[in-house]
Amino acid sequence: MLNRMNDSVETQLRDNQTGFRKDHSWTNRIVTLRIIVEQSIEWNSSLYINFIDYKKAFDSVDRRTLRKLLRHMVKSIT
């Protein structure tokens, strides 16, 4: 069941979303960011970077709705 759910989620994610995904390393994103910063300096252009901490992003999830959704997903998979 987990594999089926993972497959379903993977099809909905963009390639640039790398956090906590198999075969997607966060180090690649750091290298990409470094290249962008270096090019910005070289071209003497402004660069704005925003980092968002989603540590508590899911603390307010409605558990009843989540259970209903999971039940629905399990029924559609089986």
PDB file of N, CA and C in Angstrom:
ATOM      1  N   MET A   1       0.822  -1.178   0.000  1.00  0.00           N
ATOM      2  CA  MET A   1       0.000   0.000   0.000  1.00  0.00           C
ATOM      3  C   MET A   1       0.876   1.255   0.000  1.00  0.00           C
ATOM      4  N   LEU A   2       1.956   1.230   0.797  1.00  0.00           N
ATOM      5  CA  LEU A   2       2.848   2.386   0.850  1.00  0.00           C
ATOM      6  C   LEU A   2       3.447   2.675  -0.521  1.00  0.00           C
ATOM      7  N   ASN A   3       3.863   1.632  -1.216  1.00  0.00           N
ATOM      8  CA  ASN A   3       4.435   1.825  -2.555  1.00  0.00           C
ATOM      9  C   ASN A   3       3.428   2.454  -3.508  1.00  0.00           C
ATOM     10  N   ARG A   4       2.184   2.029  -3.425  1.00  0.00           N
ATOM     11  CA  ARG A   4       1.151   2.599  -4.289  1.00  0.00           C
ATOM     12  C   ARG A   4       0.922   4.070  -3.964  1.00  0.00           C
ATOM     13  N   MET A   5       0.906   4.380  -2.678  1.00  0.00           N
ATOM     14  CA  MET A   5       0.720   5.776  -2.282  1.00  0.00           C
ATOM     15  C   MET A   5       1.905   6.617  -2.725  1.00  0.00           C
ATOM     16  N   ASN A   6       3.122   6.079  -2.548  1.00  0.00           N
ATOM     17  CA  ASN A   6       4.321   6.808  -2.983  1.00  0.00           C
ATOM     18  C   ASN A   6       4.282   7.076  -4.479  1.00  0.00           C
ATOM     19  N   ASP A   7       3.894   6.063  -5.249  1.00  0.00           N
ATOM     20  CA  ASP A   7       3.803   6.241  -6.701  1.00  0.00           C
ATOM     21  C   ASP A   7       2.811   7.337  -7.057  1.00  0.00           C
ATOM     22  N   SER A   8       1.695   7.348  -6.358  1.00  0.00           N
ATOM     23  CA  SER A   8       0.672   8.364  -6.607  1.00  0.00           C
ATOM     24  C   SER A   8       1.194   9.761  -6.292  1.00  0.00           C
ATOM     25  N   VAL A   9       1.872   9.900  -5.177  1.00  0.00           N
ATOM     26  CA  VAL A   9       2.414  11.204  -4.773  1.00  0.00           C
ATOM     27  C   VAL A   9       3.519  11.640  -5.729  1.00  0.00           C
ATOM     28  N   GLU A  10       4.396  10.730  -6.095  1.00  0.00           N
ATOM     29  CA  GLU A  10       5.523  11.056  -6.977  1.00  0.00           C
ATOM     30  C   GLU A  10       5.054  11.641  -8.306  1.00  0.00           C
ATOM     31  N   THR A  11       3.937  11.163  -8.819  1.00  0.00           N
ATOM     32  CA  THR A  11       3.452  11.671 -10.108  1.00  0.00           C
ATOM     33  C   THR A  11       2.964  13.108 -10.006  1.00  0.00           C
ATOM     34  N   GLN A  12       2.677  13.561  -8.790  1.00  0.00           N
ATOM     35  CA  GLN A  12       2.148  14.908  -8.601  1.00  0.00           C
ATOM     36  C   GLN A  12       3.219  15.933  -8.222  1.00  0.00           C
ATOM     37  N   LEU A  13       4.421  15.477  -7.898  1.00  0.00           N
ATOM     38  CA  LEU A  13       5.484  16.385  -7.474  1.00  0.00           C
ATOM     39  C   LEU A  13       6.359  16.793  -8.652  1.00  0.00           C
ATOM     40  N   ARG A  14       6.843  18.012  -8.606  1.00  0.00           N
ATOM     41  CA  ARG A  14       7.776  18.494  -9.624  1.00  0.00           C
ATOM     42  C   ARG A  14       9.167  17.952  -9.324  1.00  0.00           C
ATOM     43  N   ASP A  15       9.999  17.907 -10.360  1.00  0.00           N
ATOM     44  CA  ASP A  15      11.364  17.409 -10.189  1.00  0.00           C
ATOM     45  C   ASP A  15      12.181  18.262  -9.231  1.00  0.00           C
ATOM     46  N   ASN A  16      11.866  19.554  -9.125  1.00  0.00           N
ATOM     47  CA  ASN A  16      12.660  20.419  -8.254  1.00  0.00           C
ATOM     48  C   ASN A  16      12.254  20.318  -6.788  1.00  0.00           C
ATOM     49  N   GLN A  17      11.250  19.534  -6.470  1.00  0.00           N
ATOM     50  CA  GLN A  17      10.882  19.287  -5.080  1.00  0.00           C
ATOM     51  C   GLN A  17      11.672  18.076  -4.600  1.00  0.00           C
ATOM     52  N   THR A  18      12.666  18.333  -3.757  1.00  0.00           N
ATOM     53  CA  THR A  18      13.607  17.265  -3.432  1.00  0.00           C
ATOM     54  C   THR A  18      13.555  16.773  -1.997  1.00  0.00           C
ATOM     55  N   GLY A  19      12.949  17.494  -1.103  1.00  0.00           N
ATOM     56  CA  GLY A  19      12.985  17.118   0.305  1.00  0.00           C
ATOM     57  C   GLY A  19      12.339  15.777   0.593  1.00  0.00           C
ATOM     58  N   PHE A  20      13.056  14.914   1.265  1.00  0.00           N
ATOM     59  CA  PHE A  20      12.560  13.618   1.731  1.00  0.00           C
ATOM     60  C   PHE A  20      12.017  12.739   0.607  1.00  0.00           C
ATOM     61  N   ARG A  21      12.699  12.777  -0.538  1.00  0.00           N
ATOM     62  CA  ARG A  21      12.294  11.950  -1.670  1.00  0.00           C
ATOM     63  C   ARG A  21      13.434  11.039  -2.073  1.00  0.00           C
ATOM     64  N   LYS A  22      13.086   9.819  -2.424  1.00  0.00           N
ATOM     65  CA  LYS A  22      14.074   8.846  -2.870  1.00  0.00           C
ATOM     66  C   LYS A  22      14.755   9.351  -4.145  1.00  0.00           C
ATOM     67  N   ASP A  23      16.060   9.209  -4.188  1.00  0.00           N
ATOM     68  CA  ASP A  23      16.878   9.598  -5.349  1.00  0.00           C
ATOM     69  C   ASP A  23      16.845  11.092  -5.659  1.00  0.00           C
ATOM     70  N   HIS A  24      16.500  11.913  -4.682  1.00  0.00           N
ATOM     71  CA  HIS A  24      16.533  13.368  -4.827  1.00  0.00           C
ATOM     72  C   HIS A  24      17.346  13.933  -3.670  1.00  0.00           C
ATOM     73  N   SER A  25      18.524  14.389  -3.967  1.00  0.00           N
ATOM     74  CA  SER A  25      19.432  14.853  -2.918  1.00  0.00           C
ATOM     75  C   SER A  25      19.317  16.355  -2.700  1.00  0.00           C
ATOM     76  N   TRP A  26      19.313  16.758  -1.444  1.00  0.00           N
ATOM     77  CA  TRP A  26      19.295  18.193  -1.117  1.00  0.00           C
ATOM     78  C   TRP A  26      20.617  18.840  -1.494  1.00  0.00           C
ATOM     79  N   THR A  27      21.696  18.047  -1.592  1.00  0.00           N
ATOM     80  CA  THR A  27      22.994  18.633  -1.959  1.00  0.00           C
ATOM     81  C   THR A  27      22.960  19.177  -3.390  1.00  0.00           C
ATOM     82  N   ASN A  28      22.187  18.547  -4.257  1.00  0.00           N
ATOM     83  CA  ASN A  28      22.043  19.073  -5.623  1.00  0.00           C
ATOM     84  C   ASN A  28      21.438  20.463  -5.607  1.00  0.00           C
ATOM     85  N   ARG A  29      20.504  20.694  -4.713  1.00  0.00           N
ATOM     86  CA  ARG A  29      19.859  22.007  -4.615  1.00  0.00           C
ATOM     87  C   ARG A  29      20.837  23.055  -4.101  1.00  0.00           C
ATOM     88  N   ILE A  30      21.721  22.668  -3.206  1.00  0.00           N
ATOM     89  CA  ILE A  30      22.723  23.605  -2.690  1.00  0.00           C
ATOM     90  C   ILE A  30      23.681  24.003  -3.809  1.00  0.00           C
ATOM     91  N   VAL A  31      24.099  23.044  -4.597  1.00  0.00           N
ATOM     92  CA  VAL A  31      24.993  23.336  -5.725  1.00  0.00           C
ATOM     93  C   VAL A  31      24.296  24.271  -6.711  1.00  0.00           C
ATOM     94  N   THR A  32      23.052  24.001  -7.014  1.00  0.00           N
ATOM     95  CA  THR A  32      22.285  24.862  -7.917  1.00  0.00           C
ATOM     96  C   THR A  32      22.192  26.278  -7.367  1.00  0.00           C
ATOM     97  N   LEU A  33      21.884  26.398  -6.089  1.00  0.00           N
ATOM     98  CA  LEU A  33      21.785  27.716  -5.460  1.00  0.00           C
ATOM     99  C   LEU A  33      23.120  28.448  -5.513  1.00  0.00           C
ATOM    100  N   ARG A  34      24.193  27.741  -5.268  1.00  0.00           N
ATOM    101  CA  ARG A  34      25.516  28.370  -5.304  1.00  0.00           C
ATOM    102  C   ARG A  34      25.830  28.909  -6.702  1.00  0.00           C
ATOM    103  N   ILE A  35      25.502  28.143  -7.722  1.00  0.00           N
ATOM    104  CA  ILE A  35      25.727  28.586  -9.099  1.00  0.00           C
ATOM    105  C   ILE A  35      24.927  29.852  -9.389  1.00  0.00           C
ATOM    106  N   ILE A  36      23.683  29.879  -8.940  1.00  0.00           N
ATOM    107  CA  ILE A  36      22.834  31.056  -9.154  1.00  0.00           C
ATOM    108  C   ILE A  36      23.421  32.277  -8.454  1.00  0.00           C
ATOM    109  N   VAL A  37      23.887  32.104  -7.226  1.00  0.00           N
ATOM    110  CA  VAL A  37      24.487  33.218  -6.477  1.00  0.00           C
ATOM    111  C   VAL A  37      25.745  33.709  -7.187  1.00  0.00           C
ATOM    112  N   GLU A  38      26.595  32.785  -7.617  1.00  0.00           N
ATOM    113  CA  GLU A  38      27.831  33.170  -8.304  1.00  0.00           C
ATOM    114  C   GLU A  38      27.536  33.918  -9.605  1.00  0.00           C
ATOM    115  N   GLN A  39      26.541  33.465 -10.358  1.00  0.00           N
ATOM    116  CA  GLN A  39      26.176  34.155 -11.598  1.00  0.00           C
ATOM    117  C   GLN A  39      25.625  35.542 -11.309  1.00  0.00           C
ATOM    118  N   SER A  40      24.859  35.657 -10.262  1.00  0.00           N
ATOM    119  CA  SER A  40      24.312  36.958  -9.883  1.00  0.00           C
ATOM    120  C   SER A  40      25.434  37.939  -9.555  1.00  0.00           C
ATOM    121  N   ILE A  41      26.436  37.466  -8.841  1.00  0.00           N
ATOM    122  CA  ILE A  41      27.589  38.313  -8.508  1.00  0.00           C
ATOM    123  C   ILE A  41      28.351  38.678  -9.783  1.00  0.00           C
ATOM    124  N   GLU A  42      28.587  37.689 -10.622  1.00  0.00           N
ATOM    125  CA  GLU A  42      29.323  37.912 -11.869  1.00  0.00           C
ATOM    126  C   GLU A  42      28.605  38.915 -12.772  1.00  0.00           C
ATOM    127  N   TRP A  43      27.297  38.841 -12.837  1.00  0.00           N
ATOM    128  CA  TRP A  43      26.516  39.721 -13.699  1.00  0.00           C
ATOM    129  C   TRP A  43      26.120  41.009 -12.998  1.00  0.00           C
ATOM    130  N   ASN A  44      26.533  41.144 -11.749  1.00  0.00           N
ATOM    131  CA  ASN A  44      26.222  42.329 -10.949  1.00  0.00           C
ATOM    132  C   ASN A  44      24.708  42.613 -10.925  1.00  0.00           C
ATOM    133  N   SER A  45      23.947  41.557 -10.717  1.00  0.00           N
ATOM    134  CA  SER A  45      22.487  41.705 -10.686  1.00  0.00           C
ATOM    135  C   SER A  45      21.951  41.388  -9.289  1.00  0.00           C
ATOM    136  N   SER A  46      20.802  41.937  -9.004  1.00  0.00           N
ATOM    137  CA  SER A  46      20.177  41.696  -7.701  1.00  0.00           C
ATOM    138  C   SER A  46      19.659  40.265  -7.634  1.00  0.00           C
ATOM    139  N   LEU A  47      19.711  39.709  -6.448  1.00  0.00           N
ATOM    140  CA  LEU A  47      19.195  38.359  -6.234  1.00  0.00           C
ATOM    141  C   LEU A  47      18.489  38.331  -4.891  1.00  0.00           C
ATOM    142  N   TYR A  48      17.279  37.833  -4.892  1.00  0.00           N
ATOM    143  CA  TYR A  48      16.507  37.719  -3.661  1.00  0.00           C
ATOM    144  C   TYR A  48      16.228  36.243  -3.402  1.00  0.00           C
ATOM    145  N   ILE A  49      16.559  35.800  -2.216  1.00  0.00           N
ATOM    146  CA  ILE A  49      16.380  34.400  -1.843  1.00  0.00           C
ATOM    147  C   ILE A  49      15.496  34.342  -0.608  1.00  0.00           C
ATOM    148  N   ASN A  50      14.553  33.429  -0.635  1.00  0.00           N
ATOM    149  CA  ASN A  50      13.645  33.265   0.491  1.00  0.00           C
ATOM    150  C   ASN A  50      13.663  31.805   0.936  1.00  0.00           C
ATOM    151  N   PHE A  51      13.946  31.569   2.197  1.00  0.00           N
ATOM    152  CA  PHE A  51      13.903  30.228   2.760  1.00  0.00           C
ATOM    153  C   PHE A  51      12.705  30.139   3.689  1.00  0.00           C
ATOM    154  N   ILE A  52      11.946  29.081   3.550  1.00  0.00           N
ATOM    155  CA  ILE A  52      10.760  28.899   4.378  1.00  0.00           C
ATOM    156  C   ILE A  52      10.937  27.645   5.227  1.00  0.00           C
ATOM    157  N   ASP A  53      10.691  27.777   6.508  1.00  0.00           N
ATOM    158  CA  ASP A  53      10.783  26.645   7.426  1.00  0.00           C
ATOM    159  C   ASP A  53       9.383  26.066   7.617  1.00  0.00           C
ATOM    160  N   TYR A  54       9.173  24.887   7.084  1.00  0.00           N
ATOM    161  CA  TYR A  54       7.866  24.241   7.185  1.00  0.00           C
ATOM    162  C   TYR A  54       7.794  23.267   8.360  1.00  0.00           C
ATOM    163  N   LYS A  55       8.653  23.446   9.322  1.00  0.00           N
ATOM    164  CA  LYS A  55       8.756  22.506  10.436  1.00  0.00           C
ATOM    165  C   LYS A  55       7.401  22.216  11.079  1.00  0.00           C
ATOM    166  N   LYS A  56       6.592  23.227  11.281  1.00  0.00           N
ATOM    167  CA  LYS A  56       5.299  23.031  11.934  1.00  0.00           C
ATOM    168  C   LYS A  56       4.133  23.266  10.970  1.00  0.00           C
ATOM    169  N   ALA A  57       4.394  23.095   9.706  1.00  0.00           N
ATOM    170  CA  ALA A  57       3.371  23.386   8.704  1.00  0.00           C
ATOM    171  C   ALA A  57       2.152  22.480   8.822  1.00  0.00           C
ATOM    172  N   PHE A  58       2.327  21.280   9.334  1.00  0.00           N
ATOM    173  CA  PHE A  58       1.224  20.326   9.370  1.00  0.00           C
ATOM    174  C   PHE A  58       0.674  20.107  10.772  1.00  0.00           C
ATOM    175  N   ASP A  59       1.007  20.982  11.701  1.00  0.00           N
ATOM    176  CA  ASP A  59       0.481  20.861  13.063  1.00  0.00           C
ATOM    177  C   ASP A  59      -1.018  21.097  13.122  1.00  0.00           C
ATOM    178  N   SER A  60      -1.554  21.819  12.167  1.00  0.00           N
ATOM    179  CA  SER A  60      -2.967  22.180  12.229  1.00  0.00           C
ATOM    180  C   SER A  60      -3.835  21.350  11.275  1.00  0.00           C
ATOM    181  N   VAL A  61      -3.354  20.193  10.869  1.00  0.00           N
ATOM    182  CA  VAL A  61      -4.121  19.332   9.971  1.00  0.00           C
ATOM    183  C   VAL A  61      -5.346  18.794  10.707  1.00  0.00           C
ATOM    184  N   ASP A  62      -6.500  18.866  10.063  1.00  0.00           N
ATOM    185  CA  ASP A  62      -7.719  18.306  10.633  1.00  0.00           C
ATOM    186  C   ASP A  62      -7.641  16.786  10.526  1.00  0.00           C
ATOM    187  N   ARG A  63      -7.481  16.122  11.651  1.00  0.00           N
ATOM    188  CA  ARG A  63      -7.269  14.671  11.671  1.00  0.00           C
ATOM    189  C   ARG A  63      -8.462  13.898  11.102  1.00  0.00           C
ATOM    190  N   ARG A  64      -9.669  14.367  11.349  1.00  0.00           N
ATOM    191  CA  ARG A  64     -10.849  13.661  10.818  1.00  0.00           C
ATOM    192  C   ARG A  64     -10.846  13.680   9.292  1.00  0.00           C
ATOM    193  N   THR A  65     -10.536  14.826   8.734  1.00  0.00           N
ATOM    194  CA  THR A  65     -10.481  14.942   7.274  1.00  0.00           C
ATOM    195  C   THR A  65      -9.368  14.070   6.709  1.00  0.00           C
ATOM    196  N   LEU A  66      -8.235  14.043   7.380  1.00  0.00           N
ATOM    197  CA  LEU A  66      -7.118  13.210   6.942  1.00  0.00           C
ATOM    198  C   LEU A  66      -7.506  11.732   6.945  1.00  0.00           C
ATOM    199  N   ARG A  67      -8.172  11.275   8.003  1.00  0.00           N
ATOM    200  CA  ARG A  67      -8.616   9.876   8.069  1.00  0.00           C
ATOM    201  C   ARG A  67      -9.591   9.552   6.933  1.00  0.00           C
ATOM    202  N   LYS A  68     -10.528  10.462   6.674  1.00  0.00           N
ATOM    203  CA  LYS A  68     -11.484  10.243   5.589  1.00  0.00           C
ATOM    204  C   LYS A  68     -10.768  10.137   4.249  1.00  0.00           C
ATOM    205  N   LEU A  69      -9.811  11.002   4.035  1.00  0.00           N
ATOM    206  CA  LEU A  69      -9.049  10.993   2.793  1.00  0.00           C
ATOM    207  C   LEU A  69      -8.263   9.695   2.638  1.00  0.00           C
ATOM    208  N   LEU A  70      -7.617   9.268   3.710  1.00  0.00           N
ATOM    209  CA  LEU A  70      -6.841   8.025   3.654  1.00  0.00           C
ATOM    210  C   LEU A  70      -7.745   6.821   3.402  1.00  0.00           C
ATOM    211  N   ARG A  71      -8.917   6.786   4.054  1.00  0.00           N
ATOM    212  CA  ARG A  71      -9.863   5.687   3.809  1.00  0.00           C
ATOM    213  C   ARG A  71     -10.270   5.660   2.338  1.00  0.00           C
ATOM    214  N   HIS A  72     -10.543   6.826   1.791  1.00  0.00           N
ATOM    215  CA  HIS A  72     -10.931   6.920   0.383  1.00  0.00           C
ATOM    216  C   HIS A  72      -9.799   6.434  -0.521  1.00  0.00           C
ATOM    217  N   MET A  73      -8.569   6.828  -0.213  1.00  0.00           N
ATOM    218  CA  MET A  73      -7.418   6.411  -1.023  1.00  0.00           C
ATOM    219  C   MET A  73      -7.228   4.908  -0.964  1.00  0.00           C
ATOM    220  N   VAL A  74      -7.375   4.329   0.221  1.00  0.00           N
ATOM    221  CA  VAL A  74      -7.192   2.884   0.375  1.00  0.00           C
ATOM    222  C   VAL A  74      -8.262   2.140  -0.421  1.00  0.00           C
ATOM    223  N   LYS A  75      -9.504   2.608  -0.378  1.00  0.00           N
ATOM    224  CA  LYS A  75     -10.582   1.963  -1.138  1.00  0.00           C
ATOM    225  C   LYS A  75     -10.317   2.032  -2.635  1.00  0.00           C
ATOM    226  N   SER A  76      -9.814   3.158  -3.115  1.00  0.00           N
ATOM    227  CA  SER A  76      -9.583   3.304  -4.553  1.00  0.00           C
ATOM    228  C   SER A  76      -8.365   2.516  -5.025  1.00  0.00           C
ATOM    229  N   ILE A  77      -7.449   2.211  -4.111  1.00  0.00           N
ATOM    230  CA  ILE A  77      -6.247   1.445  -4.476  1.00  0.00           C
ATOM    231  C   ILE A  77      -6.549  -0.042  -4.524  1.00  0.00           C
ATOM    232  N   THR A  78      -7.383  -0.508  -3.600  1.00  0.00           N
ATOM    233  CA  THR A  78      -7.649  -1.957  -3.516  1.00  0.00           C
ATOM    234  C   THR A  78      -8.696  -2.417  -4.482  1.00  0.00           C
TER     235      THR A  78
END
